[in-house]
Amino acid sequence: MPTENSERRIVYLQRKKDGCCPRCGNKKRKTEKFSYCDECREFFRSYQKGIAREENEVRKERYDQRKRNNQCPRCGIKLGKRYPNIICTECLEKQYGYNTAKTARR
C-alpha cells in the first residue's frame, strides 16, 4: 500500500473503478451496494465500536466529576451553591431551542 496520501487516493479510485474493495482489493459482487467488502465493513464496525466505548467512558467520568465539583456537566461553568438545576441556563436554553426546533420539524 502506498504511503503518500495522493498515491493512496489513486489506488482507492482505481480499485473502486475496477469494482474491487478500496481497502483490501478483493473483488466484490456486482449486486453489492456498498463500496467495501463484508470483511472490511466488519473491521470498520468493530473499530468504531471500540472507539465509541472508550469515548463514552471518558464522557461519563467527566460528567460525574463536573457534577461532584458543582459545575455544569456540559460546558464546565462553575455553578453557585444554591443554583437549583444541574445544567447552567445557557446550556438549558440551547437544549430547549434544539428540542423546540426538533418538534417543529415533525
C-alpha atoms as a PDB file:
ATOM      1  CA  MET A   1       0.000   0.000   0.000  1.00  0.00           C
ATOM      2  CA  PRO A   2       1.393   3.446  -0.871  1.00  0.00           C
ATOM      3  CA  THR A   3       2.397   5.774   1.922  1.00  0.00           C
ATOM      4  CA  GLU A   4       1.651   9.163   0.331  1.00  0.00           C
ATOM      5  CA  ASN A   5      -1.932  10.468   0.540  1.00  0.00           C
ATOM      6  CA  SER A   6      -2.082  11.235  -3.181  1.00  0.00           C
ATOM      7  CA  GLU A   7      -0.856   7.730  -4.056  1.00  0.00           C
ATOM      8  CA  ARG A   8      -3.378   6.135  -1.709  1.00  0.00           C
ATOM      9  CA  ARG A   9      -6.158   8.174  -3.272  1.00  0.00           C
ATOM     10  CA  ILE A  10      -5.156   6.987  -6.748  1.00  0.00           C
ATOM     11  CA  VAL A  11      -5.172   3.339  -5.607  1.00  0.00           C
ATOM     12  CA  TYR A  12      -8.532   3.867  -3.874  1.00  0.00           C
ATOM     13  CA  LEU A  13     -10.137   5.350  -7.001  1.00  0.00           C
ATOM     14  CA  GLN A  14      -8.656   2.681  -9.283  1.00  0.00           C
ATOM     15  CA  ARG A  15      -9.902  -0.176  -7.090  1.00  0.00           C
ATOM     16  CA  LYS A  16     -13.333   1.414  -6.823  1.00  0.00           C
ATOM     17  CA  LYS A  17     -13.481   1.859 -10.612  1.00  0.00           C
ATOM     18  CA  ASP A  18     -12.496  -1.800 -11.128  1.00  0.00           C
ATOM     19  CA  GLY A  19     -15.304  -2.982  -8.824  1.00  0.00           C
ATOM     20  CA  CYS A  20     -12.972  -4.042  -6.017  1.00  0.00           C
ATOM     21  CA  CYS A  21     -12.971  -3.218  -2.339  1.00  0.00           C
ATOM     22  CA  PRO A  22     -10.999   0.050  -1.991  1.00  0.00           C
ATOM     23  CA  ARG A  23      -9.328  -1.142   1.223  1.00  0.00           C
ATOM     24  CA  CYS A  24      -8.210  -4.715   0.522  1.00  0.00           C
ATOM     25  CA  GLY A  25      -8.620  -5.007  -3.254  1.00  0.00           C
ATOM     26  CA  ASN A  26     -10.809  -8.130  -3.222  1.00  0.00           C
ATOM     27  CA  LYS A  27     -13.388  -8.446  -5.985  1.00  0.00           C
ATOM     28  CA  LYS A  28     -16.976  -7.732  -4.964  1.00  0.00           C
ATOM     29  CA  ARG A  29     -20.226  -8.989  -6.400  1.00  0.00           C
ATOM     30  CA  LYS A  30     -21.897  -6.546  -8.757  1.00  0.00           C
ATOM     31  CA  THR A  31     -25.102  -6.763  -6.751  1.00  0.00           C
ATOM     32  CA  GLU A  32     -23.461  -5.303  -3.618  1.00  0.00           C
ATOM     33  CA  LYS A  33     -24.497  -1.750  -2.917  1.00  0.00           C
ATOM     34  CA  PHE A  34     -21.546  -0.925  -0.636  1.00  0.00           C
ATOM     35  CA  SER A  35     -18.075   0.189  -1.716  1.00  0.00           C
ATOM     36  CA  TYR A  36     -16.290  -2.041   0.796  1.00  0.00           C
ATOM     37  CA  CYS A  37     -16.440  -5.845   1.104  1.00  0.00           C
ATOM     38  CA  ASP A  38     -18.139  -7.510   4.071  1.00  0.00           C
ATOM     39  CA  GLU A  39     -14.859  -8.241   5.887  1.00  0.00           C
ATOM     40  CA  CYS A  40     -13.674  -4.620   5.651  1.00  0.00           C
ATOM     41  CA  ARG A  41     -17.069  -3.300   6.718  1.00  0.00           C
ATOM     42  CA  GLU A  42     -16.981  -5.616   9.747  1.00  0.00           C
ATOM     43  CA  PHE A  43     -13.471  -4.351  10.567  1.00  0.00           C
ATOM     44  CA  PHE A  44     -14.679  -0.727  10.441  1.00  0.00           C
ATOM     45  CA  ARG A  45     -17.705  -1.540  12.603  1.00  0.00           C
ATOM     46  CA  SER A  46     -15.674  -3.259  15.327  1.00  0.00           C
ATOM     47  CA  TYR A  47     -13.065  -0.492  15.277  1.00  0.00           C
ATOM     48  CA  GLN A  48     -15.733   2.204  15.672  1.00  0.00           C
ATOM     49  CA  LYS A  49     -17.429   0.290  18.497  1.00  0.00           C
ATOM     50  CA  GLY A  50     -14.161   0.144  20.414  1.00  0.00           C
ATOM     51  CA  ILE A  51     -13.506   3.847  19.963  1.00  0.00           C
ATOM     52  CA  ALA A  52     -17.084   4.753  20.895  1.00  0.00           C
ATOM     53  CA  ARG A  53     -16.893   2.635  24.047  1.00  0.00           C
ATOM     54  CA  GLU A  54     -13.706   4.400  25.164  1.00  0.00           C
ATOM     55  CA  GLU A  55     -15.106   7.858  24.399  1.00  0.00           C
ATOM     56  CA  ASN A  56     -18.310   7.112  26.310  1.00  0.00           C
ATOM     57  CA  GLU A  57     -16.332   6.081  29.374  1.00  0.00           C
ATOM     58  CA  VAL A  58     -14.335   9.324  29.251  1.00  0.00           C
ATOM     59  CA  ARG A  59     -17.510  11.396  28.825  1.00  0.00           C
ATOM     60  CA  LYS A  60     -19.255   9.660  31.730  1.00  0.00           C
ATOM     61  CA  GLU A  61     -16.274  10.210  34.004  1.00  0.00           C
ATOM     62  CA  ARG A  62     -16.065  13.911  33.049  1.00  0.00           C
ATOM     63  CA  TYR A  63     -19.845  14.309  33.593  1.00  0.00           C
ATOM     64  CA  ASP A  64     -19.661  12.737  37.062  1.00  0.00           C
ATOM     65  CA  GLN A  65     -16.587  14.766  38.021  1.00  0.00           C
ATOM     66  CA  ARG A  66     -18.219  18.039  36.977  1.00  0.00           C
ATOM     67  CA  LYS A  67     -21.379  17.208  38.927  1.00  0.00           C
ATOM     68  CA  ARG A  68     -19.306  16.470  42.035  1.00  0.00           C
ATOM     69  CA  ASN A  69     -17.482  19.813  41.638  1.00  0.00           C
ATOM     70  CA  ASN A  70     -20.771  21.729  41.272  1.00  0.00           C
ATOM     71  CA  GLN A  71     -20.119  22.572  37.612  1.00  0.00           C
ATOM     72  CA  CYS A  72     -22.366  22.394  34.584  1.00  0.00           C
ATOM     73  CA  PRO A  73     -21.783  18.879  33.201  1.00  0.00           C
ATOM     74  CA  ARG A  74     -21.952  20.105  29.602  1.00  0.00           C
ATOM     75  CA  CYS A  75     -19.775  23.218  29.482  1.00  0.00           C
ATOM     76  CA  GLY A  76     -17.950  23.136  32.844  1.00  0.00           C
ATOM     77  CA  ILE A  77     -19.038  26.575  34.110  1.00  0.00           C
ATOM     78  CA  LYS A  78     -18.938  26.781  37.900  1.00  0.00           C
ATOM     79  CA  LEU A  79     -22.466  26.943  39.338  1.00  0.00           C
ATOM     80  CA  GLY A  80     -23.480  28.668  42.549  1.00  0.00           C
ATOM     81  CA  LYS A  81     -24.122  26.617  45.681  1.00  0.00           C
ATOM     82  CA  ARG A  82     -27.832  27.465  45.643  1.00  0.00           C
ATOM     83  CA  TYR A  83     -28.328  27.036  41.908  1.00  0.00           C
ATOM     84  CA  PRO A  84     -31.408  24.781  41.609  1.00  0.00           C
ATOM     85  CA  ASN A  85     -30.595  22.980  38.340  1.00  0.00           C
ATOM     86  CA  ILE A  86     -27.773  20.653  37.353  1.00  0.00           C
ATOM     87  CA  ILE A  87     -27.227  22.350  33.977  1.00  0.00           C
ATOM     88  CA  CYS A  88     -26.458  26.077  33.557  1.00  0.00           C
ATOM     89  CA  THR A  89     -29.011  28.443  31.996  1.00  0.00           C
ATOM     90  CA  GLU A  90     -27.088  28.810  28.712  1.00  0.00           C
ATOM     91  CA  CYS A  91     -26.968  25.058  28.158  1.00  0.00           C
ATOM     92  CA  LEU A  92     -30.643  24.747  29.146  1.00  0.00           C
ATOM     93  CA  GLU A  93     -31.602  27.407  26.594  1.00  0.00           C
ATOM     94  CA  LYS A  94     -29.616  25.625  23.906  1.00  0.00           C
ATOM     95  CA  GLN A  95     -31.340  22.353  24.767  1.00  0.00           C
ATOM     96  CA  TYR A  96     -34.806  23.946  24.774  1.00  0.00           C
ATOM     97  CA  GLY A  97     -34.082  25.568  21.417  1.00  0.00           C
ATOM     98  CA  TYR A  98     -32.917  22.256  19.986  1.00  0.00           C
ATOM     99  CA  ASN A  99     -35.999  20.431  21.301  1.00  0.00           C
ATOM    100  CA  THR A 100     -38.483  23.012  20.004  1.00  0.00           C
ATOM    101  CA  ALA A 101     -36.847  23.044  16.575  1.00  0.00           C
ATOM    102  CA  LYS A 102     -36.928  19.274  16.514  1.00  0.00           C
ATOM    103  CA  THR A 103     -40.646  19.113  17.362  1.00  0.00           C
ATOM    104  CA  ALA A 104     -41.451  21.888  14.849  1.00  0.00           C
ATOM    105  CA  ARG A 105     -39.968  19.787  12.024  1.00  0.00           C
ATOM    106  CA  ARG A 106     -42.359  16.937  12.749  1.00  0.00           C
END
